[in-house]
Amino acid sequence: MWDARLGELGLALREVGGQSVRLRDTSFMVHAWIVEQSPPEGIVFGPPLTTIENRSRDGPPSGALPAVIAPRARVTHPTVSIPPSPSGTWARLRIATPGGISWCRVVLDDESLHTLATAPCVSGTRYVQLPARTRGISITLENTSNRTAPLPTQIDLALAM
């Protein structure tokens, strides 16, 4: 029922986590969901404009992220230029993680560092409608907790064609 209603509004429901809770003789599951924008049907995305990788198993490749982000830290990657569109376009943000939810979040900013979208550091795909005349996009990883947080293994950003 909710999927159909949200779909009419161009929104989608996505589970981002779950936890089993035990109470005396019984248990139940608690689920965490987020409501996200979804692009219109038929939109095709091009190759990634930028890919950020973290591979700590065989030693980090040049330019790779550390395996964790320090408490209360922010890491902003360089802005990627995009051709401005008078009517706006869609961006696809894909996040891959080794598993579970991390304390970090991924922030997508425009060239003026105005936040366009945020996403938890959990595997999944996020679609963002970019405002008209957006000229650049940057990705920031931030940790809002008081402890280190594991980083995603890969983040990539692509535009609708």
Foldseek 3Di string as FASTA:
>chain_A
DVQVVLVVVQKGKDWQDKDWADDDPDIDIDTDIDIAGHDDPPWDWDPFLDKAFADPPVHGDPNHDDQKDAAFDKDKDDKRFDDFAQAWWKKKKFFAAPDDWKQKKKFKAFPVRDTQDIGTRGGDMHMTTGHGGGTIIMIMIGHHGNGIIGHTRMITMIITD
